[in-house]
Amino acid sequence: MHRIVFLDRDTVAPEVTIRRPAFPHEWGEHARTRPDEVAARAADATILITNKVDLRADTLAR
C-alpha cells in the first residue's frame, strides 16, 4: 500500500480541492514543512506531494 505525504497543504488555497487517489493508500498531510523536516516526513512515503517545499536530491537519497 502506498503512503502519500503532502508536505505543505497550507500553501494551497483552502478552496482548492485536493482529490485523493482511488487506489488503496495511507494519507498524511502537514500544514508546512521546514527544510530540516523533509527527510523525516518523506522517510516512509512512497509518494510525496508538494507545492513550495524544495525536494533536493541529497535529501531524497537518505
Protein backbone atom coordinates (compact mmCIF):
# COMPACT_ATOMS: atom_id res chain seq x y z
CA MET A 1 0.00 0.00 0.00
CA HIS A 2 1.23 3.48 -0.83
CA ARG A 3 1.91 6.04 1.86
CA ILE A 4 1.22 9.53 0.49
CA VAL A 5 2.53 12.59 2.31
CA PHE A 6 1.52 16.14 1.43
CA LEU A 7 4.31 18.35 2.76
CA ASP A 8 2.70 21.80 2.61
CA ARG A 9 -1.09 21.76 2.38
CA ASP A 10 -1.47 25.30 3.74
CA THR A 11 0.35 26.73 0.71
CA VAL A 12 -2.60 25.76 -1.48
CA ALA A 13 -5.77 27.85 -1.19
CA PRO A 14 -8.40 26.20 1.02
CA GLU A 15 -10.98 26.34 -1.77
CA VAL A 16 -8.74 24.12 -3.92
CA THR A 17 -9.84 20.52 -3.58
CA ILE A 18 -7.02 18.01 -3.45
CA ARG A 19 -8.57 14.78 -4.65
CA ARG A 20 -7.14 11.70 -3.09
CA PRO A 21 -6.24 8.78 -5.34
CA ALA A 22 -8.72 5.98 -5.92
CA PHE A 23 -6.16 3.27 -5.14
CA PRO A 24 -5.54 1.97 -1.59
CA HIS A 25 -3.26 4.29 0.37
CA GLU A 26 -2.49 5.95 3.67
CA TRP A 27 -2.70 9.75 3.58
CA GLY A 28 -0.76 12.18 5.72
CA GLU A 29 -0.56 15.92 5.39
CA HIS A 30 1.32 18.72 7.07
CA ALA A 31 0.43 22.40 7.05
CA ARG A 32 4.02 23.33 6.24
CA THR A 33 7.37 21.56 6.23
CA ARG A 34 10.71 23.21 7.00
CA PRO A 35 13.83 22.06 5.11
CA ASP A 36 15.11 20.25 8.21
CA GLU A 37 11.84 18.25 8.43
CA VAL A 38 11.70 16.97 4.85
CA ALA A 39 13.84 13.84 5.30
CA ALA A 40 11.91 12.62 8.35
CA ARG A 41 8.50 13.26 6.80
CA ALA A 42 9.49 11.67 3.50
CA ALA A 43 11.13 8.61 5.06
CA ASP A 44 8.13 6.24 4.90
CA ALA A 45 6.40 7.87 1.93
CA THR A 46 6.12 6.23 -1.45
CA ILE A 47 4.55 9.39 -2.91
CA LEU A 48 5.31 12.98 -1.90
CA ILE A 49 3.09 15.93 -2.78
CA THR A 50 4.49 19.44 -2.54
CA ASN A 51 3.65 22.92 -3.71
CA LYS A 52 6.52 25.02 -2.36
CA VAL A 53 8.83 22.64 -0.49
CA ASP A 54 12.17 22.13 -2.21
CA LEU A 55 12.89 18.44 -2.80
CA ARG A 56 16.65 18.13 -3.14
CA ALA A 57 18.35 15.01 -4.46
CA ASP A 58 20.61 14.72 -1.40
CA THR A 59 17.60 14.81 0.93
CA LEU A 60 15.69 12.21 -1.07
CA ALA A 61 18.73 9.93 -1.20
CA ARG A 62 18.66 9.46 2.59
